[in-house]
N, C-alpha and C. Protein backbone atom coordinates (compact mmCIF):
# COMPACT_ATOMS: atom_id res chain seq x y z
N MET A 1 0.64 -1.09 -0.04
CA MET A 1 0.03 -0.04 -0.02
C MET A 1 0.83 1.45 -0.07
N LEU A 2 0.19 2.16 -1.06
CA LEU A 2 1.27 3.60 -0.99
C LEU A 2 1.27 4.08 0.60
N ARG A 3 2.04 4.71 0.99
CA ARG A 3 1.49 5.41 2.28
C ARG A 3 2.64 7.00 2.18
N GLU A 4 2.04 7.69 2.72
CA GLU A 4 2.47 9.06 2.41
C GLU A 4 4.07 9.51 3.10
N ILE A 5 5.02 10.25 2.92
CA ILE A 5 6.29 10.69 3.63
C ILE A 5 6.07 11.54 3.89
N SER A 6 5.93 11.73 5.15
CA SER A 6 5.41 13.49 5.65
C SER A 6 6.67 14.43 5.40
N SER A 7 7.82 13.81 5.57
CA SER A 7 9.18 14.71 5.53
C SER A 7 9.48 14.96 3.95
N THR A 8 8.92 15.00 3.23
CA THR A 8 9.28 15.31 1.82
C THR A 8 9.98 16.38 1.56
N ARG A 9 11.29 16.46 0.86
CA ARG A 9 11.84 18.02 0.96
C ARG A 9 10.85 18.82 -0.38
N GLN A 10 10.65 20.41 -0.10
CA GLN A 10 10.27 20.99 -1.01
C GLN A 10 11.06 21.44 -1.55
N ASN A 11 11.20 21.42 -3.20
CA ASN A 11 12.28 22.26 -3.84
C ASN A 11 11.56 23.34 -4.57
N ASN A 12 10.61 23.93 -4.73
CA ASN A 12 9.92 24.58 -4.76
C ASN A 12 8.73 25.67 -4.35
N SER A 13 9.33 26.31 -3.75
CA SER A 13 8.01 27.19 -2.80
C SER A 13 7.04 27.56 -3.20
N SER A 14 6.61 27.61 -4.94
CA SER A 14 5.63 27.70 -5.51
C SER A 14 4.18 26.80 -5.67
N LYS A 15 5.13 25.38 -5.60
CA LYS A 15 4.34 24.12 -5.66
C LYS A 15 4.88 23.24 -4.34
N LEU A 16 3.64 23.04 -4.06
CA LEU A 16 3.90 22.03 -2.70
C LEU A 16 3.89 20.39 -3.37
N LYS A 17 5.11 19.62 -2.70
CA LYS A 17 5.30 18.11 -3.35
C LYS A 17 4.67 17.38 -2.17
N ARG A 18 3.85 15.82 -2.62
CA ARG A 18 3.64 15.19 -1.88
C ARG A 18 4.40 13.75 -2.48
N TRP A 19 4.69 12.89 -1.42
CA TRP A 19 5.61 11.50 -2.09
C TRP A 19 4.66 10.66 -1.22
N PHE A 20 4.11 9.54 -2.01
CA PHE A 20 3.77 8.25 -1.46
C PHE A 20 4.69 6.98 -2.14
N THR A 21 4.94 5.98 -1.22
CA THR A 21 5.90 5.12 -1.64
C THR A 21 4.99 3.97 -0.89
N ASP A 22 5.96 2.61 -1.60
CA ASP A 22 5.56 1.21 -1.10
C ASP A 22 6.76 0.51 -1.74
N ALA A 23 6.88 -1.00 -1.32
CA ALA A 23 8.18 -1.77 -1.99
C ALA A 23 8.36 -1.82 -3.50
N ASN A 24 7.07 -1.32 -4.11
CA ASN A 24 7.21 -1.46 -5.79
C ASN A 24 6.63 -0.46 -6.28
N MET A 25 5.99 0.66 -5.79
CA MET A 25 5.66 1.97 -6.47
C MET A 25 6.04 3.09 -5.74
N ASP A 26 6.20 4.36 -6.46
CA ASP A 26 6.16 5.51 -5.83
C ASP A 26 5.27 6.43 -6.86
N LEU A 27 4.77 7.44 -5.77
CA LEU A 27 4.03 8.70 -6.09
C LEU A 27 4.28 9.70 -5.69
N PHE A 28 4.58 10.87 -6.79
CA PHE A 28 4.99 12.28 -6.85
C PHE A 28 3.93 13.15 -7.02
N VAL A 29 3.40 14.12 -6.40
CA VAL A 29 2.32 14.73 -6.41
C VAL A 29 2.55 16.29 -6.21
N TRP A 30 2.85 17.51 -7.08
CA TRP A 30 2.89 18.83 -7.16
C TRP A 30 1.56 19.24 -7.06
N PHE A 31 1.10 20.44 -6.33
CA PHE A 31 0.10 20.84 -5.89
C PHE A 31 0.39 22.29 -6.63
N LYS A 32 -0.74 23.24 -7.07
CA LYS A 32 -0.20 24.89 -6.91
C LYS A 32 -1.61 25.10 -6.24
N ASP A 33 -2.01 25.47 -5.21
CA ASP A 33 -2.90 26.30 -4.76
C ASP A 33 -4.08 25.37 -4.36
N GLN A 34 -3.51 24.22 -3.87
CA GLN A 34 -3.93 22.94 -3.64
C GLN A 34 -4.82 22.21 -4.60
N VAL A 35 -4.19 22.39 -5.85
CA VAL A 35 -4.84 21.68 -6.77
C VAL A 35 -3.83 20.85 -7.85
N PRO A 36 -3.71 19.51 -7.76
CA PRO A 36 -2.81 19.06 -8.67
C PRO A 36 -2.38 19.10 -9.61
N VAL A 37 -0.91 19.77 -9.81
CA VAL A 37 -0.76 20.09 -11.40
C VAL A 37 -0.18 19.37 -12.13
N CYS A 38 1.09 18.17 -11.30
CA CYS A 38 2.01 17.60 -11.62
C CYS A 38 1.76 16.19 -11.15
N PHE A 39 2.19 15.21 -11.84
CA PHE A 39 2.14 13.77 -11.04
C PHE A 39 3.13 12.87 -11.55
N GLN A 40 3.98 12.23 -11.07
CA GLN A 40 4.97 10.93 -11.77
C GLN A 40 4.59 9.43 -10.84
N PHE A 41 4.44 8.70 -11.26
CA PHE A 41 3.37 7.58 -10.95
C PHE A 41 4.80 6.17 -11.23
N SER A 42 5.59 5.92 -10.60
CA SER A 42 6.89 5.20 -10.84
C SER A 42 6.25 3.62 -10.35
N TYR A 43 6.47 2.42 -11.38
CA TYR A 43 5.92 1.72 -10.80
C TYR A 43 7.06 0.38 -11.28
N ASN A 44 6.81 -0.99 -10.93
CA ASN A 44 7.42 -2.34 -10.97
C ASN A 44 6.77 -2.97 -12.06
N ASP A 45 6.75 -3.02 -13.41
CA ASP A 45 6.47 -3.66 -14.44
C ASP A 45 7.11 -4.67 -15.08
N THR A 46 6.63 -6.24 -14.54
CA THR A 46 7.49 -7.28 -15.64
C THR A 46 9.34 -7.00 -15.07
N ALA A 47 9.04 -7.04 -13.48
CA ALA A 47 10.68 -6.23 -13.01
C ALA A 47 11.67 -5.28 -13.96
N GLN A 48 10.75 -4.28 -14.47
CA GLN A 48 11.32 -3.54 -14.98
C GLN A 48 10.25 -2.17 -14.46
N GLU A 49 11.40 -1.36 -14.11
CA GLU A 49 10.70 0.33 -13.59
C GLU A 49 10.34 1.02 -14.51
N HIS A 50 8.91 1.37 -14.17
CA HIS A 50 8.14 2.46 -15.46
C HIS A 50 7.67 3.49 -14.79
N ALA A 51 7.93 4.55 -15.48
CA ALA A 51 6.94 5.94 -14.95
C ALA A 51 6.26 6.42 -15.97
N ILE A 52 5.35 6.84 -15.35
CA ILE A 52 4.17 7.69 -16.20
C ILE A 52 4.10 8.57 -15.48
N SER A 53 3.85 9.78 -16.45
CA SER A 53 3.75 11.16 -15.60
C SER A 53 2.95 12.08 -16.54
N TRP A 54 2.31 13.22 -15.50
CA TRP A 54 1.42 14.34 -16.22
C TRP A 54 1.44 15.04 -15.46
N HIS A 55 1.30 16.42 -16.89
CA HIS A 55 1.83 18.04 -16.08
C HIS A 55 0.45 18.54 -17.00
N ILE A 56 -0.20 19.53 -16.04
CA ILE A 56 -1.36 19.89 -16.32
C ILE A 56 -1.01 21.00 -17.52
N ASN A 57 0.02 21.27 -18.23
CA ASN A 57 0.31 22.09 -19.27
C ASN A 57 0.93 21.32 -20.15
N HIS A 58 1.65 20.66 -20.22
CA HIS A 58 2.37 19.44 -20.98
C HIS A 58 1.55 17.88 -21.15
N GLY A 59 0.88 17.58 -21.01
CA GLY A 59 0.35 16.19 -20.55
C GLY A 59 1.25 15.12 -20.43
N PHE A 60 1.36 13.92 -21.04
CA PHE A 60 1.39 12.63 -20.36
C PHE A 60 3.14 12.42 -20.91
N ASP A 61 4.15 11.65 -20.05
CA ASP A 61 5.05 10.95 -20.48
C ASP A 61 4.99 9.70 -19.78
N HIS A 62 5.47 8.57 -20.71
CA HIS A 62 5.69 7.07 -20.25
C HIS A 62 7.31 6.72 -20.32
N HIS A 63 7.98 6.29 -18.92
CA HIS A 63 9.43 6.17 -19.17
C HIS A 63 9.78 4.80 -18.58
N LEU A 64 10.96 4.33 -19.25
CA LEU A 64 11.86 3.04 -18.68
C LEU A 64 12.52 3.85 -17.74
N ILE A 65 12.66 3.43 -16.48
CA ILE A 65 13.63 4.05 -15.47
C ILE A 65 14.90 3.25 -15.79
N ARG A 66 16.14 3.98 -16.20
CA ARG A 66 17.47 3.19 -16.39
C ARG A 66 18.27 3.68 -14.92
N ASN A 67 18.05 4.30 -14.55
CA ASN A 67 19.10 4.92 -13.18
C ASN A 67 17.74 4.43 -12.31
N LYS A 68 18.58 3.45 -11.26
CA LYS A 68 17.81 3.02 -10.04
C LYS A 68 17.38 4.18 -9.09
N ASN A 69 18.18 4.95 -8.98
CA ASN A 69 18.12 5.60 -8.16
C ASN A 69 17.13 6.62 -8.32
N TYR A 70 16.06 6.50 -8.68
CA TYR A 70 14.85 7.23 -9.37
C TYR A 70 14.02 8.41 -8.41
N ARG A 71 14.41 7.76 -7.02
CA ARG A 71 13.40 8.57 -6.08
C ARG A 71 14.20 9.58 -5.70
N THR A 72 15.25 9.96 -6.32
CA THR A 72 15.67 11.23 -5.80
C THR A 72 15.56 12.55 -6.84
N GLN A 73 15.28 12.20 -8.22
CA GLN A 73 14.66 12.90 -9.30
C GLN A 73 13.48 12.69 -9.79
N TYR A 74 12.87 13.51 -10.72
CA TYR A 74 11.75 13.13 -11.80
C TYR A 74 12.45 13.07 -12.97
N ARG A 75 11.86 12.30 -13.67
CA ARG A 75 12.53 11.89 -15.06
C ARG A 75 12.03 12.51 -16.00
N LEU A 76 12.76 13.29 -17.10
CA LEU A 76 12.15 13.73 -18.29
C LEU A 76 12.37 12.66 -19.50
N PRO A 77 11.56 12.54 -20.30
CA PRO A 77 12.10 11.62 -21.53
C PRO A 77 13.18 12.06 -22.11
N ALA A 78 13.96 11.94 -22.95
CA ALA A 78 14.83 11.79 -23.74
C ALA A 78 14.86 10.96 -24.93
N SER A 79 14.56 10.04 -25.04
CA SER A 79 14.26 9.42 -26.52
C SER A 79 12.84 8.34 -26.23
N THR A 80 12.41 8.59 -27.16
CA THR A 80 11.02 7.61 -27.46
C THR A 80 10.78 6.09 -28.30
N SER A 81 10.47 5.17 -27.84
CA SER A 81 10.45 4.05 -28.75
C SER A 81 8.71 3.20 -28.12
N THR A 82 8.37 2.54 -29.02
CA THR A 82 7.25 1.66 -28.94
C THR A 82 7.50 0.61 -27.59
N THR A 83 6.42 0.35 -27.16
CA THR A 83 6.04 -0.71 -26.49
C THR A 83 4.90 -0.92 -25.96
N GLY A 84 4.47 -2.12 -25.34
CA GLY A 84 3.31 -2.86 -25.04
C GLY A 84 2.41 -1.88 -23.78
N PHE A 85 2.71 -0.95 -23.79
CA PHE A 85 2.60 0.05 -22.55
C PHE A 85 0.84 0.06 -22.53
N ILE A 86 0.46 -0.57 -21.36
CA ILE A 86 -1.52 -0.40 -21.47
C ILE A 86 -1.78 0.44 -19.98
N PRO A 87 -2.28 1.49 -20.48
CA PRO A 87 -2.42 2.87 -19.03
C PRO A 87 -3.32 1.93 -18.53
N ALA A 88 -4.42 0.98 -18.59
CA ALA A 88 -5.42 0.55 -17.45
C ALA A 88 -4.60 -0.35 -16.46
N ARG A 89 -3.43 -0.50 -17.00
CA ARG A 89 -2.54 -1.62 -16.31
C ARG A 89 -1.72 -1.00 -15.36
N ALA A 90 -1.14 -0.08 -15.40
CA ALA A 90 -0.59 1.07 -14.70
C ALA A 90 -1.96 2.06 -13.67
N ALA A 91 -2.75 1.85 -13.98
CA ALA A 91 -4.16 1.99 -13.14
C ALA A 91 -4.70 1.55 -12.21
N HIS A 92 -4.44 0.04 -12.82
CA HIS A 92 -5.06 -1.26 -12.17
C HIS A 92 -3.72 -1.00 -10.73
N PHE A 93 -2.69 -1.12 -11.04
CA PHE A 93 -1.45 -1.31 -10.07
C PHE A 93 -1.79 0.12 -8.83
N PHE A 94 -2.36 1.27 -9.30
CA PHE A 94 -2.11 2.12 -8.81
C PHE A 94 -3.49 2.05 -7.90
N VAL A 95 -4.31 2.10 -8.31
CA VAL A 95 -5.79 1.27 -7.70
C VAL A 95 -5.50 0.49 -5.97
N GLN A 96 -4.80 -0.37 -6.55
CA GLN A 96 -4.43 -1.63 -5.65
C GLN A 96 -3.92 -1.15 -4.76
N ALA A 97 -2.97 0.04 -4.43
CA ALA A 97 -1.92 0.45 -3.68
C ALA A 97 -2.61 1.88 -3.20
N SER A 98 -3.73 2.33 -3.49
CA SER A 98 -3.93 3.75 -3.25
C SER A 98 -5.09 3.65 -2.03
N GLU A 99 -5.26 2.81 -1.24
CA GLU A 99 -5.84 2.48 0.08
C GLU A 99 -6.09 3.74 1.14
N HIS A 100 -4.46 4.02 1.32
CA HIS A 100 -4.51 5.36 1.93
C HIS A 100 -4.12 6.64 1.37
N ILE A 101 -4.65 6.84 0.26
CA ILE A 101 -4.48 7.74 -0.12
C ILE A 101 -5.56 8.99 -0.15
N GLU A 102 -6.27 9.71 0.27
CA GLU A 102 -7.52 10.51 0.21
C GLU A 102 -7.74 10.13 -0.98
N THR A 103 -9.64 10.15 -1.00
CA THR A 103 -10.28 9.52 -2.28
C THR A 103 -10.29 10.61 -3.29
N SER A 104 -10.20 12.13 -3.03
CA SER A 104 -10.42 12.91 -4.18
C SER A 104 -9.18 13.01 -4.94
N LEU A 105 -8.20 12.33 -3.82
CA LEU A 105 -6.65 12.39 -4.86
C LEU A 105 -6.56 11.19 -5.51
N ALA A 106 -6.81 10.39 -5.14
CA ALA A 106 -6.90 8.92 -5.56
C ALA A 106 -7.78 8.77 -7.01
N ASP A 107 -8.92 9.14 -6.75
CA ASP A 107 -9.79 9.39 -8.21
C ASP A 107 -9.02 10.38 -9.11
N PHE A 108 -8.35 11.58 -9.19
CA PHE A 108 -7.85 12.21 -9.73
C PHE A 108 -6.90 11.50 -10.64
N ILE A 109 -6.12 11.10 -9.84
CA ILE A 109 -4.47 10.05 -10.45
C ILE A 109 -5.18 9.07 -11.23
N PHE A 110 -6.03 8.24 -10.74
CA PHE A 110 -6.87 7.30 -11.33
C PHE A 110 -7.58 7.87 -12.92
N ALA A 111 -8.26 8.67 -13.04
CA ALA A 111 -8.72 9.08 -13.96
C ALA A 111 -7.66 9.81 -15.03
N ARG A 112 -6.82 10.76 -14.22
CA ARG A 112 -5.51 11.17 -15.19
C ARG A 112 -4.93 9.78 -16.07
N LEU A 113 -4.59 8.67 -15.18
CA LEU A 113 -3.54 7.63 -15.85
C LEU A 113 -5.04 6.45 -16.92
N LEU A 114 -6.05 6.75 -16.77
CA LEU A 114 -7.09 6.07 -17.80
C LEU A 114 -7.30 7.13 -19.49
N GLU A 115 -6.69 8.01 -19.05
CA GLU A 115 -6.91 9.31 -19.97
C GLU A 115 -5.37 9.30 -21.04
N TYR A 116 -4.30 8.54 -20.02
CA TYR A 116 -3.43 8.58 -21.46
C TYR A 116 -3.71 7.88 -22.89
N PRO A 117 -2.91 8.79 -23.62
CA PRO A 117 -3.62 8.66 -24.89
C PRO A 117 -2.58 7.57 -25.89
N GLY A 118 -1.26 7.56 -25.45
CA GLY A 118 -0.25 6.70 -26.59
C GLY A 118 0.02 5.42 -25.60
N GLU A 119 0.86 4.95 -26.62
CA GLU A 119 1.75 4.18 -26.19
C GLU A 119 3.50 3.74 -26.23
N SER A 120 3.82 5.01 -25.89
CA SER A 120 5.15 5.19 -26.03
C SER A 120 6.13 5.06 -24.87
N VAL A 121 7.51 4.87 -24.54
CA VAL A 121 7.95 4.75 -23.59
C VAL A 121 9.61 5.59 -23.73
N ALA A 122 10.06 6.27 -22.94
CA ALA A 122 10.88 7.49 -22.84
C ALA A 122 12.16 6.99 -21.86
N TYR A 123 13.19 7.30 -22.09
CA TYR A 123 14.31 6.79 -21.33
C TYR A 123 15.02 8.20 -20.79
N SER A 124 15.44 8.11 -19.92
CA SER A 124 16.19 9.71 -19.35
C SER A 124 16.40 9.76 -17.98
N ASP A 125 17.87 10.31 -17.44
CA ASP A 125 18.39 10.55 -16.39
C ASP A 125 18.40 12.01 -15.82
N GLN A 126 17.47 12.63 -16.35
CA GLN A 126 17.48 14.24 -16.35
C GLN A 126 16.45 14.76 -15.42
N ALA A 127 16.40 15.60 -14.51
CA ALA A 127 15.63 16.20 -14.09
C ALA A 127 14.54 17.32 -14.25
N LEU A 128 13.18 17.04 -14.45
CA LEU A 128 12.31 18.28 -14.86
C LEU A 128 11.46 19.03 -13.92
N VAL A 129 11.22 18.68 -12.62
CA VAL A 129 10.81 19.49 -11.54
C VAL A 129 11.47 19.56 -10.40
N SER A 130 11.62 20.72 -9.39
CA SER A 130 12.61 21.17 -8.98
C SER A 130 11.93 21.57 -7.89
């Protein structure tokens, strides 16, 4: 089950960041004026770390995490290739683990995951949100 890390370091004074984690996944959510404006959901799918991110202004990205130290940075895609990514599968992983996240936020993340439009994966070691 995803549980919130209450001592999450805040890098950007204009956006509040919250972090939820368990053994197989992480969820970072950034808020502006108490409204989610960005999130990254990292999960282990078939023994490979993947992350789907959404930004209110930029839409979606899906990434394969090559750097296992992903917990310290938000990943930005550097290149794209086709995969068999299934948005409903990521949404299913999230729903199974979201019991300890307030309902309104869990519903918001779930709805965005189901809206994912494509089937691409990107690779990166770059930071996006600070």
